Amino acid sequence: MDMRNQAYTADDGELIILKVPIGNAPSCVEQDGKTFEMGFGNRTKPLKCDLWPKKSTALSCTPEEVPEFREEHRRHGIAIEYKDDGTAVVGSKLEFEKAARFRGLTVC
């Protein structure tokens, strides 16, 4: 299989070069907990990648609220992981939309 070098850039401008198959390079990759999009240079807009799971500040809570949020989401069939510090980790776009609507947020 023929390979070529491809540049990928994260939102913070970090650049990585990976060897990828010619004609079959992924548009996004995840490495060391960061998402990189094909191309190089400084990013002026958010990544278009749709890699899950993702952290959500909109759905996060205070550490004191974690038990309550975990129970409410479990009761309503919404699969979200809450870290002990209150960070919400959402496994899919569908789960994000369900949780956002449950919390009264507008989903575009």
N, C-alpha and C. Protein backbone atom coordinates (compact mmCIF):
# COMPACT_ATOMS: atom_id res chain seq x y z
N MET A 1 0.84 -1.17 0.00
CA MET A 1 0.00 0.00 0.00
C MET A 1 0.89 1.25 0.00
N ASP A 2 0.59 2.17 -0.90
CA ASP A 2 1.37 3.40 -0.99
C ASP A 2 0.96 4.35 0.11
N MET A 3 1.94 4.97 0.76
CA MET A 3 1.70 5.87 1.88
C MET A 3 2.26 7.26 1.56
N ARG A 4 1.71 8.26 2.23
CA ARG A 4 2.22 9.62 2.10
C ARG A 4 2.14 10.30 3.46
N ASN A 5 2.86 11.41 3.62
CA ASN A 5 2.78 12.20 4.84
C ASN A 5 1.59 13.13 4.75
N GLN A 6 0.85 13.26 5.86
CA GLN A 6 -0.30 14.15 5.90
C GLN A 6 -0.23 14.97 7.18
N ALA A 7 -0.43 16.28 7.05
CA ALA A 7 -0.45 17.17 8.21
C ALA A 7 -1.84 17.22 8.81
N TYR A 8 -1.89 17.25 10.13
CA TYR A 8 -3.13 17.41 10.88
C TYR A 8 -2.89 18.48 11.94
N THR A 9 -3.90 19.33 12.17
CA THR A 9 -3.76 20.43 13.12
C THR A 9 -4.90 20.41 14.13
N ALA A 10 -4.56 20.70 15.40
CA ALA A 10 -5.56 20.82 16.46
C ALA A 10 -6.03 22.27 16.55
N ASP A 11 -7.11 22.51 17.30
CA ASP A 11 -7.63 23.86 17.50
C ASP A 11 -6.57 24.81 18.07
N ASP A 12 -5.69 24.27 18.92
CA ASP A 12 -4.68 25.13 19.54
C ASP A 12 -3.47 25.37 18.64
N GLY A 13 -3.51 24.86 17.41
CA GLY A 13 -2.43 25.08 16.45
C GLY A 13 -1.38 24.00 16.44
N GLU A 14 -1.45 23.04 17.36
CA GLU A 14 -0.46 21.96 17.38
C GLU A 14 -0.55 21.17 16.08
N LEU A 15 0.59 20.88 15.50
CA LEU A 15 0.67 20.21 14.21
C LEU A 15 1.31 18.84 14.39
N ILE A 16 0.73 17.82 13.75
CA ILE A 16 1.35 16.50 13.71
C ILE A 16 1.38 16.05 12.25
N ILE A 17 2.35 15.23 11.92
CA ILE A 17 2.48 14.65 10.59
C ILE A 17 2.37 13.13 10.74
N LEU A 18 1.45 12.53 9.99
CA LEU A 18 1.25 11.09 10.05
C LEU A 18 1.41 10.48 8.67
N LYS A 19 1.85 9.24 8.62
CA LYS A 19 1.88 8.48 7.36
C LYS A 19 0.51 7.87 7.18
N VAL A 20 -0.11 8.13 6.04
CA VAL A 20 -1.46 7.65 5.76
C VAL A 20 -1.50 7.03 4.37
N PRO A 21 -2.46 6.11 4.13
CA PRO A 21 -2.59 5.52 2.80
C PRO A 21 -3.03 6.58 1.78
N ILE A 22 -2.44 6.57 0.62
CA ILE A 22 -2.83 7.50 -0.44
C ILE A 22 -4.27 7.21 -0.83
N GLY A 23 -5.09 8.28 -0.87
CA GLY A 23 -6.49 8.15 -1.24
C GLY A 23 -7.41 7.64 -0.14
N ASN A 24 -6.85 7.38 1.04
CA ASN A 24 -7.68 6.84 2.12
C ASN A 24 -7.29 7.45 3.46
N ALA A 25 -6.92 8.73 3.46
CA ALA A 25 -6.51 9.39 4.69
C ALA A 25 -7.74 9.84 5.47
N PRO A 26 -7.77 9.60 6.78
CA PRO A 26 -8.91 10.07 7.58
C PRO A 26 -8.92 11.60 7.66
N SER A 27 -10.11 12.19 7.69
CA SER A 27 -10.19 13.65 7.77
C SER A 27 -9.88 14.14 9.18
N CYS A 28 -10.06 13.28 10.18
CA CYS A 28 -9.78 13.63 11.57
C CYS A 28 -9.08 12.46 12.26
N VAL A 29 -8.22 12.78 13.20
CA VAL A 29 -7.59 11.76 14.02
C VAL A 29 -7.58 12.25 15.47
N GLU A 30 -7.51 11.30 16.39
CA GLU A 30 -7.40 11.66 17.80
C GLU A 30 -6.10 11.09 18.32
N GLN A 31 -5.35 11.94 19.04
CA GLN A 31 -4.07 11.51 19.56
C GLN A 31 -3.82 12.25 20.87
N ASP A 32 -3.43 11.53 21.90
CA ASP A 32 -3.14 12.11 23.21
C ASP A 32 -4.30 12.97 23.72
N GLY A 33 -5.53 12.53 23.48
CA GLY A 33 -6.70 13.24 23.98
C GLY A 33 -7.08 14.48 23.21
N LYS A 34 -6.41 14.74 22.09
CA LYS A 34 -6.74 15.91 21.25
C LYS A 34 -7.27 15.44 19.91
N THR A 35 -8.14 16.25 19.32
CA THR A 35 -8.65 15.97 17.99
C THR A 35 -7.90 16.84 16.98
N PHE A 36 -7.42 16.21 15.92
CA PHE A 36 -6.68 16.90 14.87
C PHE A 36 -7.45 16.77 13.56
N GLU A 37 -7.53 17.86 12.80
CA GLU A 37 -8.21 17.86 11.51
C GLU A 37 -7.17 17.97 10.40
N MET A 38 -7.46 17.30 9.27
CA MET A 38 -6.54 17.32 8.14
C MET A 38 -6.26 18.76 7.71
N GLY A 39 -5.01 19.04 7.42
CA GLY A 39 -4.59 20.37 7.00
C GLY A 39 -3.57 20.92 7.97
N PHE A 40 -3.07 22.11 7.69
CA PHE A 40 -2.08 22.70 8.58
C PHE A 40 -2.29 24.20 8.63
N GLY A 41 -1.64 24.80 9.61
CA GLY A 41 -1.77 26.24 9.81
C GLY A 41 -2.61 26.51 11.03
N ASN A 42 -2.72 27.79 11.37
CA ASN A 42 -3.51 28.17 12.54
C ASN A 42 -4.98 28.03 12.23
N ARG A 43 -5.71 27.44 13.14
CA ARG A 43 -7.15 27.26 12.97
C ARG A 43 -7.85 28.56 13.36
N THR A 44 -8.77 29.00 12.51
CA THR A 44 -9.56 30.19 12.83
C THR A 44 -11.00 29.80 13.13
N LYS A 45 -11.32 28.52 13.00
CA LYS A 45 -12.68 28.05 13.30
C LYS A 45 -12.57 26.69 13.97
N PRO A 46 -13.60 26.28 14.67
CA PRO A 46 -13.55 24.98 15.35
C PRO A 46 -13.41 23.83 14.37
N LEU A 47 -12.92 22.72 14.88
CA LEU A 47 -12.81 21.52 14.06
C LEU A 47 -14.19 21.04 13.64
N LYS A 48 -14.27 20.47 12.45
CA LYS A 48 -15.53 19.94 11.94
C LYS A 48 -15.69 18.46 12.24
N CYS A 49 -14.71 17.88 12.90
CA CYS A 49 -14.74 16.45 13.19
C CYS A 49 -15.88 16.12 14.14
N ASP A 50 -16.32 14.91 14.07
CA ASP A 50 -17.40 14.47 14.93
C ASP A 50 -16.96 13.22 15.67
N LEU A 51 -15.92 13.36 16.49
CA LEU A 51 -15.40 12.23 17.24
C LEU A 51 -16.01 12.23 18.65
N TRP A 52 -16.49 11.10 19.08
CA TRP A 52 -17.10 10.96 20.41
C TRP A 52 -16.35 9.90 21.17
N PRO A 53 -16.31 9.93 22.49
CA PRO A 53 -16.99 10.82 23.42
C PRO A 53 -16.33 12.18 23.49
N LYS A 54 -17.12 13.16 24.00
CA LYS A 54 -16.64 14.53 24.15
C LYS A 54 -16.99 15.04 25.54
N LYS A 55 -16.15 15.95 26.03
CA LYS A 55 -16.47 16.65 27.26
C LYS A 55 -17.42 17.79 26.91
N SER A 56 -18.36 18.07 27.78
CA SER A 56 -19.32 19.15 27.55
C SER A 56 -19.34 20.09 28.75
N THR A 57 -18.91 21.32 28.54
CA THR A 57 -19.00 22.31 29.61
C THR A 57 -20.44 22.73 29.82
N ALA A 58 -21.24 22.72 28.76
CA ALA A 58 -22.65 23.11 28.87
C ALA A 58 -23.43 22.17 29.78
N LEU A 59 -23.07 20.90 29.80
CA LEU A 59 -23.79 19.92 30.60
C LEU A 59 -23.09 19.60 31.92
N SER A 60 -21.96 20.23 32.17
CA SER A 60 -21.22 19.97 33.41
C SER A 60 -21.92 20.60 34.60
N CYS A 61 -21.47 20.23 35.79
CA CYS A 61 -22.09 20.73 37.01
C CYS A 61 -21.00 20.93 38.05
N THR A 62 -21.39 21.38 39.23
CA THR A 62 -20.43 21.52 40.32
C THR A 62 -20.18 20.14 40.93
N PRO A 63 -19.05 19.95 41.60
CA PRO A 63 -18.78 18.65 42.22
C PRO A 63 -19.89 18.22 43.19
N GLU A 64 -20.50 19.18 43.88
CA GLU A 64 -21.56 18.87 44.83
C GLU A 64 -22.82 18.34 44.13
N GLU A 65 -23.04 18.72 42.88
CA GLU A 65 -24.24 18.32 42.14
C GLU A 65 -24.10 16.97 41.43
N VAL A 66 -22.89 16.41 41.38
CA VAL A 66 -22.64 15.19 40.61
C VAL A 66 -23.61 14.06 40.96
N PRO A 67 -23.80 13.70 42.24
CA PRO A 67 -24.72 12.58 42.54
C PRO A 67 -26.14 12.85 42.03
N GLU A 68 -26.62 14.07 42.19
CA GLU A 68 -27.96 14.43 41.73
C GLU A 68 -28.07 14.33 40.21
N PHE A 69 -27.09 14.87 39.49
CA PHE A 69 -27.11 14.83 38.02
C PHE A 69 -27.01 13.39 37.52
N ARG A 70 -26.15 12.59 38.13
CA ARG A 70 -26.03 11.18 37.72
C ARG A 70 -27.37 10.48 37.86
N GLU A 71 -28.03 10.67 39.00
CA GLU A 71 -29.31 10.00 39.26
C GLU A 71 -30.39 10.50 38.31
N GLU A 72 -30.50 11.81 38.11
CA GLU A 72 -31.52 12.35 37.20
C GLU A 72 -31.37 11.81 35.78
N HIS A 73 -30.13 11.81 35.29
CA HIS A 73 -29.91 11.32 33.92
C HIS A 73 -30.16 9.82 33.83
N ARG A 74 -29.78 9.07 34.85
CA ARG A 74 -30.03 7.63 34.84
C ARG A 74 -31.54 7.37 34.80
N ARG A 75 -32.29 8.08 35.63
CA ARG A 75 -33.75 7.91 35.69
C ARG A 75 -34.42 8.23 34.36
N HIS A 76 -33.87 9.18 33.63
CA HIS A 76 -34.47 9.58 32.35
C HIS A 76 -33.83 8.89 31.14
N GLY A 77 -32.96 7.91 31.40
CA GLY A 77 -32.38 7.12 30.31
C GLY A 77 -31.36 7.87 29.48
N ILE A 78 -30.68 8.81 30.09
CA ILE A 78 -29.67 9.60 29.38
C ILE A 78 -28.30 9.13 29.85
N ALA A 79 -27.51 8.62 28.91
CA ALA A 79 -26.20 8.03 29.25
C ALA A 79 -25.11 9.10 29.19
N ILE A 80 -24.85 9.72 30.33
CA ILE A 80 -23.77 10.70 30.44
C ILE A 80 -22.94 10.31 31.64
N GLU A 81 -21.63 10.39 31.48
CA GLU A 81 -20.73 10.12 32.60
C GLU A 81 -20.37 11.46 33.24
N TYR A 82 -20.49 11.54 34.54
CA TYR A 82 -20.06 12.72 35.27
C TYR A 82 -18.84 12.37 36.09
N LYS A 83 -17.75 13.08 35.82
CA LYS A 83 -16.53 12.91 36.61
C LYS A 83 -16.76 13.51 37.99
N ASP A 84 -15.94 13.15 38.96
CA ASP A 84 -16.11 13.66 40.32
C ASP A 84 -16.00 15.18 40.40
N ASP A 85 -15.29 15.79 39.45
CA ASP A 85 -15.15 17.26 39.46
C ASP A 85 -16.33 17.96 38.78
N GLY A 86 -17.30 17.19 38.26
CA GLY A 86 -18.48 17.77 37.63
C GLY A 86 -18.44 17.80 36.11
N THR A 87 -17.33 17.41 35.53
CA THR A 87 -17.20 17.41 34.07
C THR A 87 -18.11 16.35 33.46
N ALA A 88 -18.92 16.76 32.48
CA ALA A 88 -19.80 15.84 31.78
C ALA A 88 -19.07 15.26 30.58
N VAL A 89 -19.13 13.95 30.41
CA VAL A 89 -18.55 13.27 29.25
C VAL A 89 -19.70 12.57 28.53
N VAL A 90 -19.93 13.00 27.29
CA VAL A 90 -21.07 12.52 26.52
C VAL A 90 -20.57 11.56 25.44
N GLY A 91 -21.25 10.41 25.31
CA GLY A 91 -20.78 9.36 24.41
C GLY A 91 -21.20 9.49 22.96
N SER A 92 -22.25 10.29 22.68
CA SER A 92 -22.70 10.41 21.30
C SER A 92 -23.49 11.71 21.12
N LYS A 93 -23.67 12.09 19.88
CA LYS A 93 -24.44 13.29 19.58
C LYS A 93 -25.89 13.13 20.06
N LEU A 94 -26.45 11.95 19.89
CA LEU A 94 -27.81 11.68 20.33
C LEU A 94 -27.95 11.90 21.84
N GLU A 95 -27.02 11.36 22.62
CA GLU A 95 -27.06 11.53 24.07
C GLU A 95 -26.88 13.00 24.45
N PHE A 96 -26.01 13.71 23.73
CA PHE A 96 -25.84 15.14 24.00
C PHE A 96 -27.16 15.88 23.78
N GLU A 97 -27.82 15.59 22.65
CA GLU A 97 -29.08 16.27 22.34
C GLU A 97 -30.15 15.96 23.38
N LYS A 98 -30.25 14.69 23.80
CA LYS A 98 -31.23 14.32 24.82
C LYS A 98 -30.96 15.06 26.13
N ALA A 99 -29.70 15.09 26.55
CA ALA A 99 -29.35 15.75 27.81
C ALA A 99 -29.55 17.26 27.72
N ALA A 100 -29.18 17.85 26.60
CA ALA A 100 -29.34 19.30 26.44
C ALA A 100 -30.80 19.68 26.51
N ARG A 101 -31.66 18.94 25.83
CA ARG A 101 -33.09 19.23 25.88
C ARG A 101 -33.64 19.04 27.30
N PHE A 102 -33.19 18.00 27.96
CA PHE A 102 -33.61 17.74 29.34
C PHE A 102 -33.22 18.90 30.25
N ARG A 103 -32.06 19.49 30.01
CA ARG A 103 -31.57 20.62 30.82
C ARG A 103 -32.13 21.97 30.34
N GLY A 104 -32.96 21.93 29.27
CA GLY A 104 -33.56 23.17 28.79
C GLY A 104 -32.68 23.98 27.87
N LEU A 105 -31.65 23.35 27.29
CA LEU A 105 -30.77 24.04 26.36
C LEU A 105 -31.28 23.88 24.93
N THR A 106 -31.02 24.85 24.09
CA THR A 106 -31.40 24.78 22.69
C THR A 106 -30.33 24.00 21.93
N VAL A 107 -30.77 23.05 21.11
CA VAL A 107 -29.85 22.24 20.30
C VAL A 107 -30.01 22.64 18.87
N CYS A 108 -28.91 23.03 18.24
CA CYS A 108 -28.97 23.46 16.83
C CYS A 108 -28.73 22.28 15.91
